[in-house]
Protein backbone atom coordinates (compact mmCIF):
# COMPACT_ATOMS: atom_id res chain seq x y z
CA UNK A 1 42.33 29.24 4.11
CA UNK A 2 39.04 31.10 3.67
CA UNK A 3 39.67 34.87 3.64
CA UNK A 4 36.97 37.53 3.64
CA UNK A 5 38.33 40.62 1.97
CA UNK A 6 36.36 43.82 2.72
CA UNK A 7 36.39 47.26 1.05
CA UNK A 8 37.64 45.90 -2.26
CA UNK A 9 37.67 47.45 -5.68
CA UNK A 10 38.69 45.99 -8.99
CA UNK A 11 42.34 47.01 -8.51
CA UNK A 12 42.47 45.27 -5.08
CA UNK A 13 41.22 42.05 -6.64
CA UNK A 14 43.66 42.27 -9.53
CA UNK A 15 46.74 42.64 -7.33
CA UNK A 16 45.61 40.32 -4.56
CA UNK A 17 44.71 37.58 -7.02
CA UNK A 18 48.10 37.90 -8.68
CA UNK A 19 49.94 37.68 -5.33
CA UNK A 20 47.73 34.77 -4.19
CA UNK A 21 48.37 32.81 -7.38
CA UNK A 22 52.08 33.25 -6.91
CA UNK A 23 51.96 31.90 -3.31
CA UNK A 24 52.99 28.31 -2.55
CA UNK A 25 49.64 27.70 -0.83
CA UNK A 26 46.95 29.90 -2.40
CA UNK A 27 44.04 30.93 -0.23
CA UNK A 28 40.36 31.11 -0.96
CA UNK A 29 39.71 34.80 -1.25
CA UNK A 30 36.17 36.08 -1.26
CA UNK A 31 35.70 39.75 -2.00
CA UNK A 32 33.19 42.19 -0.54
CA UNK A 33 32.85 45.78 -1.70
CA UNK A 34 31.20 46.81 1.54
CA UNK A 35 33.17 48.10 4.50
CA UNK A 36 33.59 45.99 7.59
CA UNK A 37 31.65 47.10 10.64
CA UNK A 38 29.36 45.51 13.26
CA UNK A 39 26.49 45.48 10.68
CA UNK A 40 28.42 43.71 7.93
CA UNK A 41 30.53 41.36 10.08
CA UNK A 42 28.03 38.55 9.50
CA UNK A 43 29.30 38.33 5.91
CA UNK A 44 32.53 36.85 7.33
CA UNK A 45 30.84 33.90 9.05
CA UNK A 46 33.08 30.80 8.98
CA UNK A 47 35.99 32.77 7.48
CA UNK A 48 39.19 32.10 9.41
CA UNK A 49 40.75 35.34 8.22
CA UNK A 50 39.30 38.80 7.60
CA UNK A 51 41.25 41.25 5.46
CA UNK A 52 40.51 44.98 5.87
CA UNK A 53 41.57 48.44 4.74
CA UNK A 54 41.92 51.92 6.23
CA UNK A 55 38.22 52.89 6.49
CA UNK A 56 36.91 49.59 7.79
CA UNK A 57 35.87 49.49 11.44
CA UNK A 58 37.12 46.70 13.68
CA UNK A 59 35.79 48.06 16.97
CA UNK A 60 35.03 45.91 19.98
CA UNK A 61 31.52 44.92 18.84
CA UNK A 62 32.74 43.97 15.34
CA UNK A 63 35.59 41.92 16.71
CA UNK A 64 33.37 40.01 19.11
CA UNK A 65 31.02 39.04 16.26
CA UNK A 66 33.96 37.94 14.12
CA UNK A 67 35.47 35.84 16.91
CA UNK A 68 32.09 34.14 17.63
CA UNK A 69 31.85 33.30 13.91
CA UNK A 70 35.25 31.62 13.83
CA UNK A 71 37.65 34.31 12.70
CA UNK A 72 41.16 33.96 14.08
CA UNK A 73 43.19 36.43 12.07
CA UNK A 74 42.80 40.07 11.05
CA UNK A 75 45.03 40.98 8.08
CA UNK A 76 45.44 44.70 7.33
CA UNK A 77 46.20 45.89 3.83
CA UNK A 78 47.79 49.03 5.28
CA UNK A 79 50.32 50.22 7.84
CA UNK A 80 48.01 52.03 10.27
CA UNK A 81 45.88 50.05 12.69
CA UNK A 82 43.92 52.73 14.48
CA UNK A 83 40.67 51.24 13.09
CA UNK A 84 41.16 48.16 15.38
CA UNK A 85 40.38 47.93 19.06
CA UNK A 86 43.62 46.19 19.91
CA UNK A 87 42.66 45.60 23.57
CA UNK A 88 39.55 43.64 22.58
CA UNK A 89 41.48 41.79 19.84
CA UNK A 90 44.01 40.74 22.49
CA UNK A 91 41.26 39.62 24.88
CA UNK A 92 39.60 37.51 22.12
CA UNK A 93 42.89 35.94 21.10
CA UNK A 94 42.73 37.41 17.59
CA UNK A 95 46.01 37.86 15.80
CA UNK A 96 46.51 41.11 13.85
CA UNK A 97 49.01 41.55 11.05
CA UNK A 98 49.73 44.59 8.90
CA UNK A 99 51.79 45.92 6.00
CA UNK A 100 54.28 48.14 7.80
CA UNK A 101 55.92 49.34 4.59
CA UNK A 102 54.98 49.10 0.93
CA UNK A 103 56.20 51.98 -1.16
CA UNK A 104 57.08 54.97 0.94
CA UNK A 105 58.07 56.65 -2.31
CA UNK A 106 54.46 56.64 -3.48
CA UNK A 107 53.21 58.67 -0.53
CA UNK A 108 56.23 60.96 -0.35
CA UNK A 109 56.01 61.77 -4.09
CA UNK A 110 52.32 62.48 -3.79
CA UNK A 111 53.01 64.94 -1.00
CA UNK A 112 55.49 66.72 -3.23
CA UNK A 113 52.92 66.75 -6.01
CA UNK A 114 50.50 68.60 -3.69
CA UNK A 115 53.21 71.14 -2.83
CA UNK A 116 53.85 71.83 -6.53
CA UNK A 117 50.19 72.00 -7.44
CA UNK A 118 49.35 74.44 -4.66
CA UNK A 119 52.39 76.64 -5.21
CA UNK A 120 52.18 76.92 -9.01
CA UNK A 121 48.35 76.65 -9.15
CA UNK A 122 48.71 73.82 -11.67
CA UNK A 123 45.04 72.80 -11.34
CA UNK A 124 43.87 76.33 -12.12
CA UNK A 125 46.41 76.73 -14.98
CA UNK A 126 45.31 73.49 -16.59
CA UNK A 127 41.60 74.42 -16.47
CA UNK A 128 42.29 77.92 -17.85
CA UNK A 129 44.16 76.66 -20.87
CA UNK A 130 41.42 74.11 -21.53
CA UNK A 131 39.04 77.07 -21.67
CA UNK A 132 41.43 78.90 -24.03
CA UNK A 133 42.31 81.39 -21.30
CA UNK A 134 46.05 82.06 -21.38
CA UNK A 135 46.33 84.83 -18.74
CA UNK A 136 48.66 84.48 -15.75
CA UNK A 137 46.77 86.62 -13.24
CA UNK A 138 46.27 84.73 -9.96
CA UNK A 139 48.86 82.02 -10.80
CA UNK A 140 51.84 83.59 -9.05
CA UNK A 141 53.93 81.10 -7.03
CA UNK A 142 57.23 81.17 -5.13
CA UNK A 143 60.61 79.43 -5.47
CA UNK A 144 60.88 76.31 -3.43
CA UNK A 145 64.60 76.90 -3.42
CA UNK A 146 65.65 78.42 -0.04
CA UNK A 147 62.18 77.77 1.42
CA UNK A 148 62.05 76.12 4.85
CA UNK A 149 60.20 72.80 5.00
CA UNK A 150 59.07 71.36 8.29
CA UNK A 151 58.67 67.56 8.33
CA UNK A 152 56.62 66.23 11.26
CA UNK A 153 57.35 62.54 11.43
CA UNK A 154 60.64 61.33 10.03
CA UNK A 155 60.01 57.66 9.40
CA UNK A 156 60.53 56.19 5.94
CA UNK A 157 58.01 58.37 4.15
CA UNK A 158 59.06 61.51 5.98
CA UNK A 159 62.71 60.95 5.16
CA UNK A 160 62.05 60.34 1.45
CA UNK A 161 59.85 63.48 1.32
CA UNK A 162 62.69 65.43 2.94
CA UNK A 163 65.25 64.03 0.48
CA UNK A 164 63.07 65.15 -2.45
CA UNK A 165 62.58 68.62 -0.99
CA UNK A 166 66.31 68.88 -0.35
CA UNK A 167 66.75 68.34 -4.05
CA UNK A 168 64.81 71.55 -4.64
CA UNK A 169 67.29 73.36 -2.39
CA UNK A 170 65.00 73.65 0.65
CA UNK A 171 66.09 74.00 4.25
CA UNK A 172 64.77 71.09 6.31
CA UNK A 173 63.50 71.05 9.89
CA UNK A 174 62.40 67.83 11.47
CA UNK A 175 60.36 66.88 14.50
CA UNK A 176 59.91 63.35 15.78
CA UNK A 177 59.86 61.79 19.25
CA UNK A 178 62.10 59.09 17.74
CA UNK A 179 64.75 60.94 15.68
CA UNK A 180 66.09 59.16 12.57
CA UNK A 181 69.76 59.01 11.62
CA UNK A 182 68.55 58.89 7.98
CA UNK A 183 66.92 62.33 8.36
CA UNK A 184 69.94 63.71 10.11
CA UNK A 185 72.14 62.50 7.25
CA UNK A 186 70.36 64.73 4.76
CA UNK A 187 72.40 67.78 3.93
CA UNK A 188 71.04 70.93 5.52
CA UNK A 189 68.57 69.13 7.82
CA UNK A 190 68.23 69.50 11.60
CA UNK A 191 65.88 68.45 14.34
CA UNK A 192 64.12 71.13 16.36
CA UNK A 193 61.27 71.13 18.83
CA UNK A 194 57.78 71.49 17.49
CA UNK A 195 57.21 75.18 18.38
CA UNK A 196 60.38 76.19 16.52
CA UNK A 197 59.48 74.05 13.52
CA UNK A 198 56.03 75.61 13.34
CA UNK A 199 57.39 79.14 13.66
CA UNK A 200 60.05 78.80 10.96
CA UNK A 201 58.50 76.59 8.31
CA UNK A 202 57.11 77.89 5.02
CA UNK A 203 55.78 74.43 4.24
CA UNK A 204 54.58 71.89 6.81
CA UNK A 205 54.15 68.23 5.87
CA UNK A 206 52.66 65.64 8.17
CA UNK A 207 54.13 62.10 8.09
CA UNK A 208 53.48 60.88 11.62
CA UNK A 209 51.11 58.06 12.77
CA UNK A 210 47.75 58.66 14.38
CA UNK A 211 48.10 58.12 18.09
CA UNK A 212 46.31 59.61 21.10
CA UNK A 213 49.22 62.03 21.43
CA UNK A 214 49.04 63.11 17.76
CA UNK A 215 45.21 63.40 17.42
CA UNK A 216 44.51 66.97 16.27
CA UNK A 217 48.19 67.81 16.40
CA UNK A 218 47.30 70.66 14.04
CA UNK A 219 44.82 72.69 16.10
CA UNK A 220 44.03 76.34 16.87
CA UNK A 221 46.94 76.56 19.33
CA UNK A 222 49.59 75.01 17.04
CA UNK A 223 48.27 76.98 14.07
CA UNK A 224 48.74 80.21 16.03
CA UNK A 225 52.49 79.34 16.26
CA UNK A 226 52.86 79.04 12.49
CA UNK A 227 54.14 81.52 9.93
CA UNK A 228 51.57 83.71 8.24
CA UNK A 229 50.56 82.14 4.91
CA UNK A 230 52.10 78.75 5.66
CA UNK A 231 51.43 75.75 3.39
CA UNK A 232 50.01 72.68 5.17
CA UNK A 233 50.27 69.19 3.59
CA UNK A 234 48.77 66.03 5.09
CA UNK A 235 49.14 62.66 3.44
CA UNK A 236 49.23 60.68 6.65
CA UNK A 237 46.02 60.45 8.73
CA UNK A 238 43.03 62.78 8.59
CA UNK A 239 42.57 63.05 12.35
CA UNK A 240 45.97 64.65 12.80
CA UNK A 241 44.22 67.81 11.68
CA UNK A 242 41.38 69.71 13.39
CA UNK A 243 39.55 70.61 10.17
CA UNK A 244 37.44 73.40 11.68
CA UNK A 245 40.56 75.06 13.08
CA UNK A 246 42.21 74.90 9.65
CA UNK A 247 39.16 76.44 8.01
CA UNK A 248 39.25 79.33 10.44
CA UNK A 249 42.93 79.79 9.72
CA UNK A 250 42.31 79.79 5.95
CA UNK A 251 39.75 82.55 6.41
CA UNK A 252 42.24 84.72 8.32
CA UNK A 253 45.10 84.00 5.92
CA UNK A 254 47.20 82.36 8.62
CA UNK A 255 47.24 79.23 6.49
CA UNK A 256 47.76 80.18 2.83
CA UNK A 257 47.66 76.76 1.21
CA UNK A 258 46.23 73.38 2.19
CA UNK A 259 46.96 70.06 0.44
CA UNK A 260 45.16 67.02 1.79
CA UNK A 261 45.06 63.39 0.76
CA UNK A 262 43.23 62.41 3.97
CA UNK A 263 40.31 63.91 5.87
CA UNK A 264 39.25 63.27 9.45
CA UNK A 265 35.68 62.29 8.45
CA UNK A 266 36.64 60.51 5.22
CA UNK A 267 35.14 57.14 6.17
CA UNK A 268 31.79 57.86 4.54
CA UNK A 269 33.25 59.74 1.56
CA UNK A 270 36.49 58.38 0.16
CA UNK A 271 36.57 55.45 -2.25
CA UNK A 272 32.89 56.08 -3.16
CA UNK A 273 31.23 57.85 -6.10
CA UNK A 274 28.94 60.68 -5.01
CA UNK A 275 29.00 62.56 -8.30
CA UNK A 276 25.21 62.17 -8.63
CA UNK A 277 24.44 62.78 -4.99
CA UNK A 278 24.47 65.61 -2.43
CA UNK A 279 27.33 65.40 0.04
CA UNK A 280 25.92 66.18 3.47
CA UNK A 281 29.22 66.87 5.17
CA UNK A 282 29.12 70.66 5.40
CA UNK A 283 32.63 70.92 6.77
CA UNK A 284 34.07 69.04 3.78
CA UNK A 285 32.05 71.07 1.34
CA UNK A 286 33.28 74.33 2.91
CA UNK A 287 36.86 73.11 2.93
CA UNK A 288 36.92 72.26 -0.77
CA UNK A 289 35.25 75.53 -1.68
CA UNK A 290 38.44 77.46 -0.98
CA UNK A 291 40.60 78.24 -4.04
CA UNK A 292 43.82 77.59 -2.09
CA UNK A 293 42.83 74.05 -1.03
CA UNK A 294 43.59 70.83 -3.00
CA UNK A 295 42.09 67.57 -1.86
CA UNK A 296 42.74 64.13 -3.23
CA UNK A 297 40.79 61.07 -2.07
CA UNK A 298 43.38 59.02 -0.18
CA UNK A 299 45.26 58.08 -3.32
CA UNK A 300 48.87 58.79 -2.22
CA UNK A 301 49.51 55.06 -1.86
CA UNK A 302 48.00 54.28 -5.25
CA UNK A 303 50.88 53.15 -7.48
CA UNK A 304 51.49 49.80 -9.15
CA UNK A 305 54.57 49.33 -7.03
CA UNK A 306 52.67 50.02 -3.78
CA UNK A 307 49.68 47.82 -4.62
CA UNK A 308 52.01 44.96 -5.56
CA UNK A 309 53.94 45.24 -2.32
CA UNK A 310 50.76 45.54 -0.22
CA UNK A 311 49.21 42.46 -1.80
CA UNK A 312 52.36 40.38 -1.62
CA UNK A 313 52.92 41.21 2.04
CA UNK A 314 49.26 40.63 2.91
CA UNK A 315 49.24 37.17 1.38
CA UNK A 316 52.58 36.32 3.00
CA UNK A 317 51.23 37.42 6.41
CA UNK A 318 48.20 35.16 6.00
CA UNK A 319 50.38 32.21 4.87
CA UNK A 320 52.78 32.65 7.78
CA UNK A 321 49.91 32.45 10.26
CA UNK A 322 48.43 29.40 8.53
CA UNK A 323 51.76 27.61 8.53
CA UNK A 324 52.65 28.62 12.10
CA UNK A 325 55.77 30.52 11.16
CA UNK A 326 56.99 33.77 12.69
CA UNK A 327 54.55 36.70 12.24
CA UNK A 328 57.13 39.42 11.57
CA UNK A 329 54.38 41.93 10.84
CA UNK A 330 52.20 41.20 13.83
CA UNK A 331 50.63 44.15 15.66
CA UNK A 332 50.99 43.42 19.36
CA UNK A 333 48.90 44.87 22.16
CA UNK A 334 50.85 46.72 24.80
């Protein structure tokens, strides 16, 4: 099958080629570095399958172009599918498959890494020693032991993050519309409603999906309910957070630390090199100017284990559709 793979980098090709070669019926993969949108959809003409990533756009206009050109299958190399207009995909008869789980450890461990970096100022300490500055002023942290950690979203990633934080001796509060027995089984954990979690947590970590009900879950009203000086971690979806509200809260000291691997306007920034350019996103520039903010460029998933799992599942999804077998990872419109 001819597969147009958008938003690719060298590492995508390496792992996808390896998974494709190992498949019983290898596919014809053609790689495009550009993102998919209504302007680039013509590149996929006569491709039965289009394979996309988190910052591609499969809105209604793009999907209609793809369908007219012969595309039948949209294969996601990620778990989230908010970039796809599922109603239009359903109307056009396009099948959509995703990678519901790859390495939840990768994302959970990255979230913990952000907690440690922010708390112990590891980025500042590293740069000081590189400059032969061995002073400790401004590097004061706090013990994670006995801190209260609020986990918003207790799916696989949220549970693993909670397990790791429990290992530090933290108290765990969880919030999820679908409680997990795996979270409840963690010693010292308990579910509470969102206002109580916000009010009691020293550290807040977001691990929930982006849905209409969770868009800007972190906003001026929910921030007002938080502890003074709270640490906010987001490795899930950028649009869970109202960035301007967070900036205002950083200025007042309501939020004392921010660790982000995602950003609500990341589409035009992340996965690109702007080191010789001027970034025109004033909000992002202001956000990263704060000393108590650490931003990574959507790399939480970026481990060998995760990339292998993503590639293997993606190829398997495409093969299952081609062979007419059950699409266990199909995204269905409801």
